[in-house]
C-alpha atoms as a PDB file:
ATOM      1  CA  UNK A   1     192.372 149.536 196.486  1.00  0.00           C
ATOM      2  CA  UNK A   2     194.704 147.246 194.582  1.00  0.00           C
ATOM      3  CA  UNK A   3     193.817 145.593 191.297  1.00  0.00           C
ATOM      4  CA  UNK A   4     192.627 142.463 192.978  1.00  0.00           C
ATOM      5  CA  UNK A   5     190.165 144.381 195.091  1.00  0.00           C
ATOM      6  CA  UNK A   6     188.878 146.420 192.060  1.00  0.00           C
ATOM      7  CA  UNK A   7     188.408 143.320 190.004  1.00  0.00           C
ATOM      8  CA  UNK A   8     186.599 141.676 192.894  1.00  0.00           C
ATOM      9  CA  UNK A   9     184.319 144.722 193.214  1.00  0.00           C
ATOM     10  CA  UNK A  10     183.516 144.640 189.488  1.00  0.00           C
ATOM     11  CA  UNK A  11     182.739 140.984 189.706  1.00  0.00           C
ATOM     12  CA  UNK A  12     180.534 141.600 192.747  1.00  0.00           C
ATOM     13  CA  UNK A  13     178.611 144.355 190.926  1.00  0.00           C
ATOM     14  CA  UNK A  14     178.067 142.187 187.911  1.00  0.00           C
ATOM     15  CA  UNK A  15     176.879 139.359 190.150  1.00  0.00           C
ATOM     16  CA  UNK A  16     174.428 141.665 191.903  1.00  0.00           C
ATOM     17  CA  UNK A  17     173.240 143.066 188.581  1.00  0.00           C
ATOM     18  CA  UNK A  18     172.585 139.624 187.228  1.00  0.00           C
ATOM     19  CA  UNK A  19     170.836 138.600 190.470  1.00  0.00           C
ATOM     20  CA  UNK A  20     168.531 141.614 190.257  1.00  0.00           C
ATOM     21  CA  UNK A  21     167.299 140.665 186.699  1.00  0.00           C
ATOM     22  CA  UNK A  22     164.920 137.676 185.918  1.00  0.00           C
ATOM     23  CA  UNK A  23     166.935 134.963 184.288  1.00  0.00           C
ATOM     24  CA  UNK A  24     166.203 131.851 182.222  1.00  0.00           C
ATOM     25  CA  UNK A  25     168.868 129.498 181.007  1.00  0.00           C
ATOM     26  CA  UNK A  26     171.950 131.556 180.272  1.00  0.00           C
ATOM     27  CA  UNK A  27     170.101 134.778 181.262  1.00  0.00           C
ATOM     28  CA  UNK A  28     167.887 137.423 179.601  1.00  0.00           C
ATOM     29  CA  UNK A  29     168.382 141.138 179.803  1.00  0.00           C
ATOM     30  CA  UNK A  30     165.694 143.850 179.809  1.00  0.00           C
ATOM     31  CA  UNK A  31     166.270 144.748 176.187  1.00  0.00           C
ATOM     32  CA  UNK A  32     165.716 141.190 175.080  1.00  0.00           C
ATOM     33  CA  UNK A  33     162.468 140.908 177.086  1.00  0.00           C
ATOM     34  CA  UNK A  34     161.271 144.260 175.717  1.00  0.00           C
ATOM     35  CA  UNK A  35     161.929 143.200 172.135  1.00  0.00           C
ATOM     36  CA  UNK A  36     160.068 139.883 172.677  1.00  0.00           C
ATOM     37  CA  UNK A  37     157.067 141.706 174.158  1.00  0.00           C
ATOM     38  CA  UNK A  38     156.995 144.117 171.181  1.00  0.00           C
ATOM     39  CA  UNK A  39     157.100 141.210 168.704  1.00  0.00           C
ATOM     40  CA  UNK A  40     154.265 139.330 170.404  1.00  0.00           C
ATOM     41  CA  UNK A  41     152.073 142.433 170.532  1.00  0.00           C
ATOM     42  CA  UNK A  42     152.586 143.005 166.788  1.00  0.00           C
ATOM     43  CA  UNK A  43     151.681 139.360 166.096  1.00  0.00           C
ATOM     44  CA  UNK A  44     148.454 139.682 168.072  1.00  0.00           C
ATOM     45  CA  UNK A  45     147.593 142.861 166.183  1.00  0.00           C
ATOM     46  CA  UNK A  46     148.117 141.132 162.818  1.00  0.00           C
ATOM     47  CA  UNK A  47     146.007 138.178 163.961  1.00  0.00           C
ATOM     48  CA  UNK A  48     143.134 140.511 164.913  1.00  0.00           C
ATOM     49  CA  UNK A  49     143.238 142.260 161.546  1.00  0.00           C
ATOM     50  CA  UNK A  50     143.454 138.946 159.701  1.00  0.00           C
ATOM     51  CA  UNK A  51     140.289 137.680 161.489  1.00  0.00           C
ATOM     52  CA  UNK A  52     138.462 140.906 160.691  1.00  0.00           C
ATOM     53  CA  UNK A  53     139.408 140.640 157.005  1.00  0.00           C
ATOM     54  CA  UNK A  54     138.170 137.022 156.880  1.00  0.00           C
ATOM     55  CA  UNK A  55     134.827 137.978 158.458  1.00  0.00           C
ATOM     56  CA  UNK A  56     134.451 140.897 156.054  1.00  0.00           C
ATOM     57  CA  UNK A  57     135.120 138.645 153.044  1.00  0.00           C
ATOM     58  CA  UNK A  58     132.545 136.074 154.209  1.00  0.00           C
ATOM     59  CA  UNK A  59     129.932 138.779 154.694  1.00  0.00           C
ATOM     60  CA  UNK A  60     130.587 140.169 151.212  1.00  0.00           C
ATOM     61  CA  UNK A  61     130.261 136.694 149.648  1.00  0.00           C
ATOM     62  CA  UNK A  62     126.946 136.079 151.449  1.00  0.00           C
ATOM     63  CA  UNK A  63     125.583 139.430 150.293  1.00  0.00           C
ATOM     64  CA  UNK A  64     126.594 138.693 146.690  1.00  0.00           C
ATOM     65  CA  UNK A  65     124.877 135.279 146.798  1.00  0.00           C
ATOM     66  CA  UNK A  66     121.687 136.784 148.231  1.00  0.00           C
ATOM     67  CA  UNK A  67     121.719 139.486 145.545  1.00  0.00           C
ATOM     68  CA  UNK A  68     122.069 136.847 142.813  1.00  0.00           C
ATOM     69  CA  UNK A  69     119.113 134.862 144.223  1.00  0.00           C
ATOM     70  CA  UNK A  70     116.669 137.786 144.243  1.00  0.00           C
ATOM     71  CA  UNK A  71     117.552 139.087 140.766  1.00  0.00           C
ATOM     72  CA  UNK A  72     115.169 138.271 137.825  1.00  0.00           C
ATOM     73  CA  UNK A  73     115.905 135.190 135.707  1.00  0.00           C
ATOM     74  CA  UNK A  74     116.474 137.387 132.642  1.00  0.00           C
ATOM     75  CA  UNK A  75     119.507 138.972 134.356  1.00  0.00           C
ATOM     76  CA  UNK A  76     121.040 135.651 135.434  1.00  0.00           C
ATOM     77  CA  UNK A  77     124.512 134.881 134.116  1.00  0.00           C
ATOM     78  CA  UNK A  78     126.341 131.579 134.029  1.00  0.00           C
ATOM     79  CA  UNK A  79     130.044 130.944 133.818  1.00  0.00           C
ATOM     80  CA  UNK A  80     131.373 128.957 130.920  1.00  0.00           C
ATOM     81  CA  UNK A  81     134.182 126.966 132.473  1.00  0.00           C
ATOM     82  CA  UNK A  82     136.070 130.081 133.569  1.00  0.00           C
ATOM     83  CA  UNK A  83     135.863 131.696 130.124  1.00  0.00           C
ATOM     84  CA  UNK A  84     133.712 134.570 131.321  1.00  0.00           C
ATOM     85  CA  UNK A  85     130.014 135.217 131.970  1.00  0.00           C
ATOM     86  CA  UNK A  86     127.578 133.905 129.389  1.00  0.00           C
ATOM     87  CA  UNK A  87     124.099 135.437 129.190  1.00  0.00           C
ATOM     88  CA  UNK A  88     121.323 132.863 129.375  1.00  0.00           C
ATOM     89  CA  UNK A  89     118.004 133.055 127.601  1.00  0.00           C
ATOM     90  CA  UNK A  90     114.921 133.602 129.808  1.00  0.00           C
ATOM     91  CA  UNK A  91     112.779 130.509 130.346  1.00  0.00           C
ATOM     92  CA  UNK A  92     110.111 130.283 127.634  1.00  0.00           C
ATOM     93  CA  UNK A  93     107.000 128.193 128.386  1.00  0.00           C
ATOM     94  CA  UNK A  94     106.471 125.420 125.902  1.00  0.00           C
ATOM     95  CA  UNK A  95     103.246 123.668 124.977  1.00  0.00           C
ATOM     96  CA  UNK A  96     103.363 119.873 124.787  1.00  0.00           C
ATOM     97  CA  UNK A  97     100.793 118.417 122.453  1.00  0.00           C
ATOM     98  CA  UNK A  98      99.115 115.254 123.857  1.00  0.00           C
ATOM     99  CA  UNK A  99      99.806 111.968 122.150  1.00  0.00           C
ATOM    100  CA  UNK A 100      96.512 110.831 120.528  1.00  0.00           C
ATOM    101  CA  UNK A 101      97.539 107.196 121.059  1.00  0.00           C
ATOM    102  CA  UNK A 102      97.838 107.607 124.810  1.00  0.00           C
ATOM    103  CA  UNK A 103      94.688 107.152 126.956  1.00  0.00           C
ATOM    104  CA  UNK A 104      93.413 110.403 128.415  1.00  0.00           C
ATOM    105  CA  UNK A 105      93.452 110.765 132.155  1.00  0.00           C
ATOM    106  CA  UNK A 106      92.333 114.394 132.408  1.00  0.00           C
ATOM    107  CA  UNK A 107      88.628 114.576 133.264  1.00  0.00           C
ATOM    108  CA  UNK A 108      88.451 118.333 133.803  1.00  0.00           C
ATOM    109  CA  UNK A 109      86.443 118.842 130.584  1.00  0.00           C
ATOM    110  CA  UNK A 110      84.049 115.944 131.153  1.00  0.00           C
ATOM    111  CA  UNK A 111      80.502 117.128 131.968  1.00  0.00           C
ATOM    112  CA  UNK A 112      79.264 116.207 135.412  1.00  0.00           C
ATOM    113  CA  UNK A 113      76.250 114.458 133.900  1.00  0.00           C
ATOM    114  CA  UNK A 114      78.505 111.932 132.119  1.00  0.00           C
ATOM    115  CA  UNK A 115      79.884 110.502 135.359  1.00  0.00           C
ATOM    116  CA  UNK A 116      79.166 106.802 135.526  1.00  0.00           C
ATOM    117  CA  UNK A 117      77.302 105.770 138.609  1.00  0.00           C
ATOM    118  CA  UNK A 118      78.877 103.033 140.662  1.00  0.00           C
ATOM    119  CA  UNK A 119      75.602 102.036 142.270  1.00  0.00           C
ATOM    120  CA  UNK A 120      74.830  98.341 141.770  1.00  0.00           C
ATOM    121  CA  UNK A 121      72.367  97.616 139.008  1.00  0.00           C
ATOM    122  CA  UNK A 122      68.987  96.366 140.104  1.00  0.00           C
ATOM    123  CA  UNK A 123      68.172  94.869 136.687  1.00  0.00           C
ATOM    124  CA  UNK A 124      67.841  91.120 136.843  1.00  0.00           C
ATOM    125  CA  UNK A 125      67.659  88.811 133.854  1.00  0.00           C
ATOM    126  CA  UNK A 126      64.599  86.609 133.856  1.00  0.00           C
ATOM    127  CA  UNK A 127      64.150  83.456 131.814  1.00  0.00           C
ATOM    128  CA  UNK A 128      60.976  83.574 129.732  1.00  0.00           C
ATOM    129  CA  UNK A 129      58.415  81.019 130.848  1.00  0.00           C
ATOM    130  CA  UNK A 130      58.120  77.788 128.868  1.00  0.00           C
ATOM    131  CA  UNK A 131      55.137  77.376 126.546  1.00  0.00           C
ATOM    132  CA  UNK A 132      52.175  75.751 128.213  1.00  0.00           C
ATOM    133  CA  UNK A 133      50.699  72.482 127.019  1.00  0.00           C
ATOM    134  CA  UNK A 134      47.226  72.892 125.438  1.00  0.00           C
ATOM    135  CA  UNK A 135      44.422  70.402 126.181  1.00  0.00           C
ATOM    136  CA  UNK A 136      44.280  67.330 123.987  1.00  0.00           C
ATOM    137  CA  UNK A 137      41.271  66.410 121.815  1.00  0.00           C
ATOM    138  CA  UNK A 138      38.596  65.096 124.168  1.00  0.00           C
ATOM    139  CA  UNK A 139      36.056  64.049 121.482  1.00  0.00           C
ATOM    140  CA  UNK A 140      38.123  61.355 119.817  1.00  0.00           C
ATOM    141  CA  UNK A 141      35.991  58.712 118.045  1.00  0.00           C
ATOM    142  CA  UNK A 142      36.232  56.162 115.266  1.00  0.00           C
ATOM    143  CA  UNK A 143      36.579  58.022 111.949  1.00  0.00           C
ATOM    144  CA  UNK A 144      37.266  61.378 113.759  1.00  0.00           C
ATOM    145  CA  UNK A 145      39.497  63.886 111.892  1.00  0.00           C
ATOM    146  CA  UNK A 146      42.198  65.359 114.165  1.00  0.00           C
ATOM    147  CA  UNK A 147      45.682  66.804 114.221  1.00  0.00           C
ATOM    148  CA  UNK A 148      48.114  64.189 115.394  1.00  0.00           C
ATOM    149  CA  UNK A 149      51.374  65.174 117.155  1.00  0.00           C
ATOM    150  CA  UNK A 150      53.793  62.248 116.682  1.00  0.00           C
ATOM    151  CA  UNK A 151      56.476  62.031 119.333  1.00  0.00           C
ATOM    152  CA  UNK A 152      58.228  58.829 118.205  1.00  0.00           C
ATOM    153  CA  UNK A 153      58.108  56.184 115.456  1.00  0.00           C
ATOM    154  CA  UNK A 154      59.520  52.662 115.885  1.00  0.00           C
ATOM    155  CA  UNK A 155      59.851  49.770 113.430  1.00  0.00           C
ATOM    156  CA  UNK A 156      56.944  47.279 113.176  1.00  0.00           C
ATOM    157  CA  UNK A 157      56.301  45.129 116.274  1.00  0.00           C
ATOM    158  CA  UNK A 158      58.698  47.231 118.403  1.00  0.00           C
ATOM    159  CA  UNK A 159      55.989  48.062 120.939  1.00  0.00           C
ATOM    160  CA  UNK A 160      58.333  48.527 123.868  1.00  0.00           C
ATOM    161  CA  UNK A 161      61.272  50.188 122.103  1.00  0.00           C
ATOM    162  CA  UNK A 162      63.241  52.852 124.099  1.00  0.00           C
ATOM    163  CA  UNK A 163      62.027  55.706 121.919  1.00  0.00           C
ATOM    164  CA  UNK A 164      58.368  54.688 122.312  1.00  0.00           C
ATOM    165  CA  UNK A 165      58.705  54.389 126.100  1.00  0.00           C
ATOM    166  CA  UNK A 166      60.484  57.770 126.366  1.00  0.00           C
ATOM    167  CA  UNK A 167      57.811  59.471 124.246  1.00  0.00           C
ATOM    168  CA  UNK A 168      55.012  57.922 126.337  1.00  0.00           C
ATOM    169  CA  UNK A 169      56.691  59.135 129.566  1.00  0.00           C
ATOM    170  CA  UNK A 170      57.030  62.685 128.182  1.00  0.00           C
ATOM    171  CA  UNK A 171      53.325  62.713 127.155  1.00  0.00           C
ATOM    172  CA  UNK A 172      52.193  61.554 130.587  1.00  0.00           C
ATOM    173  CA  UNK A 173      54.461  64.160 132.269  1.00  0.00           C
ATOM    174  CA  UNK A 174      52.725  66.842 130.172  1.00  0.00           C
ATOM    175  CA  UNK A 175      49.338  65.717 131.526  1.00  0.00           C
ATOM    176  CA  UNK A 176      48.132  63.742 128.538  1.00  0.00           C
ATOM    177  CA  UNK A 177      46.510  60.329 128.700  1.00  0.00           C
ATOM    178  CA  UNK A 178      48.323  57.076 128.038  1.00  0.00           C
ATOM    179  CA  UNK A 179      50.232  57.540 124.784  1.00  0.00           C
ATOM    180  CA  UNK A 180      51.703  54.124 124.387  1.00  0.00           C
ATOM    181  CA  UNK A 181      52.666  52.702 121.032  1.00  0.00           C
ATOM    182  CA  UNK A 182      49.955  52.072 118.433  1.00  0.00           C
ATOM    183  CA  UNK A 183      49.785  50.902 114.874  1.00  0.00           C
ATOM    184  CA  UNK A 184      50.325  53.870 112.599  1.00  0.00           C
ATOM    185  CA  UNK A 185      47.956  52.289 110.074  1.00  0.00           C
ATOM    186  CA  UNK A 186      45.103  53.315 112.386  1.00  0.00           C
ATOM    187  CA  UNK A 187      45.806  56.973 111.512  1.00  0.00           C
ATOM    188  CA  UNK A 188      44.814  57.413 107.932  1.00  0.00           C
ATOM    189  CA  UNK A 189      47.257  59.725 106.136  1.00  0.00           C
ATOM    190  CA  UNK A 190      50.120  59.512 108.719  1.00  0.00           C
ATOM    191  CA  UNK A 191      52.250  56.945 106.862  1.00  0.00           C
ATOM    192  CA  UNK A 192      52.405  58.993 103.686  1.00  0.00           C
ATOM    193  CA  UNK A 193      52.876  62.355 105.473  1.00  0.00           C
ATOM    194  CA  UNK A 194      55.680  61.119 107.738  1.00  0.00           C
ATOM    195  CA  UNK A 195      57.364  58.893 105.130  1.00  0.00           C
ATOM    196  CA  UNK A 196      57.461  55.787 107.332  1.00  0.00           C
ATOM    197  CA  UNK A 197      56.742  52.167 106.475  1.00  0.00           C
ATOM    198  CA  UNK A 198      53.428  50.440 107.035  1.00  0.00           C
ATOM    199  CA  UNK A 199      52.730  48.812 110.420  1.00  0.00           C
ATOM    200  CA  UNK A 200      55.265  51.108 112.194  1.00  0.00           C
ATOM    201  CA  UNK A 201      54.687  51.660 115.895  1.00  0.00           C
ATOM    202  CA  UNK A 202      53.780  55.308 116.751  1.00  0.00           C
ATOM    203  CA  UNK A 203      53.409  57.346 119.956  1.00  0.00           C
ATOM    204  CA  UNK A 204      51.075  60.321 119.340  1.00  0.00           C
ATOM    205  CA  UNK A 205      48.809  62.889 121.016  1.00  0.00           C
ATOM    206  CA  UNK A 206      45.795  64.348 119.166  1.00  0.00           C
ATOM    207  CA  UNK A 207      44.432  67.901 119.085  1.00  0.00           C
ATOM    208  CA  UNK A 208      41.327  69.516 117.707  1.00  0.00           C
ATOM    209  CA  UNK A 209      43.109  72.268 115.739  1.00  0.00           C
ATOM    210  CA  UNK A 210      46.470  72.691 114.064  1.00  0.00           C
ATOM    211  CA  UNK A 211      47.265  75.702 116.288  1.00  0.00           C
ATOM    212  CA  UNK A 212      46.856  73.598 119.417  1.00  0.00           C
ATOM    213  CA  UNK A 213      49.006  70.857 117.929  1.00  0.00           C
ATOM    214  CA  UNK A 214      51.798  73.336 117.112  1.00  0.00           C
ATOM    215  CA  UNK A 215      51.561  74.832 120.614  1.00  0.00           C
ATOM    216  CA  UNK A 216      52.021  71.359 122.074  1.00  0.00           C
ATOM    217  CA  UNK A 217      54.955  70.767 119.696  1.00  0.00           C
ATOM    218  CA  UNK A 218      56.671  73.992 120.942  1.00  0.00           C
ATOM    219  CA  UNK A 219      56.039  73.023 124.571  1.00  0.00           C
ATOM    220  CA  UNK A 220      57.591  69.587 124.099  1.00  0.00           C
ATOM    221  CA  UNK A 221      60.634  70.927 122.239  1.00  0.00           C
ATOM    222  CA  UNK A 222      61.180  73.655 124.847  1.00  0.00           C
ATOM    223  CA  UNK A 223      61.544  70.866 127.420  1.00  0.00           C
ATOM    224  CA  UNK A 224      63.962  68.837 125.308  1.00  0.00           C
ATOM    225  CA  UNK A 225      61.553  66.317 123.781  1.00  0.00           C
ATOM    226  CA  UNK A 226      61.939  65.893 120.023  1.00  0.00           C
ATOM    227  CA  UNK A 227      58.843  65.759 117.820  1.00  0.00           C
ATOM    228  CA  UNK A 228      58.574  63.725 114.614  1.00  0.00           C
ATOM    229  CA  UNK A 229      55.877  65.911 113.089  1.00  0.00           C
ATOM    230  CA  UNK A 230      52.285  67.237 113.091  1.00  0.00           C
ATOM    231  CA  UNK A 231      49.890  65.580 110.607  1.00  0.00           C
ATOM    232  CA  UNK A 232      46.177  65.966 109.841  1.00  0.00           C
ATOM    233  CA  UNK A 233      44.732  62.449 110.000  1.00  0.00           C
ATOM    234  CA  UNK A 234      41.522  60.499 110.368  1.00  0.00           C
ATOM    235  CA  UNK A 235      41.635  58.204 113.331  1.00  0.00           C
ATOM    236  CA  UNK A 236      40.393  54.649 113.290  1.00  0.00           C
ATOM    237  CA  UNK A 237      40.793  51.662 115.542  1.00  0.00           C
ATOM    238  CA  UNK A 238      38.728  53.464 118.235  1.00  0.00           C
ATOM    239  CA  UNK A 239      36.254  50.599 118.803  1.00  0.00           C
END
């Protein structure tokens, strides 16, 4: 075989060798593929160990946190900004004194009997009854002593003055007879006792006793009628 034939055979063998191997790009040989497979297997092994280390670290941290939670407060430690553990004092209960100026809201020490009932009160306020009018003197006669209750006094000749008419209406409303104006001179002793001038016009009701006259005075005043006064007189002008 000449040189050309040998060289051709070598080239053919190399071509067959390359055709028998898997190729990519310029071509990969068995040694290269074996080295790549070894590298990838080592990477997967490192990745598995790295994951296991991470899981182990997380489990240790969780156990440490749980241990710190269940330990007594007296053994608790705090960190001082990275300067090392600082022991903390155990919690000491403190007593807070109440402020005497604040209203108390605690009713735990209030006896049950002191509880205020919320039931509506049945007490009703009643106005006392007005005094009753006593009977007037029925035995009036000329020269008869009596207690005169004077409701109004008007100047002489003022027979129909407003005060005389109002007093007469109040007397009639109380159940007494006509008490129109009369000359005060007919009641001996009234002018001096009341301090009025002679010949004044008077509206009066007469009673047998002073007690009855004062009762009538209270009854009139309780109903808003003013009274001039009560005077013991001797009545004339009864003919």
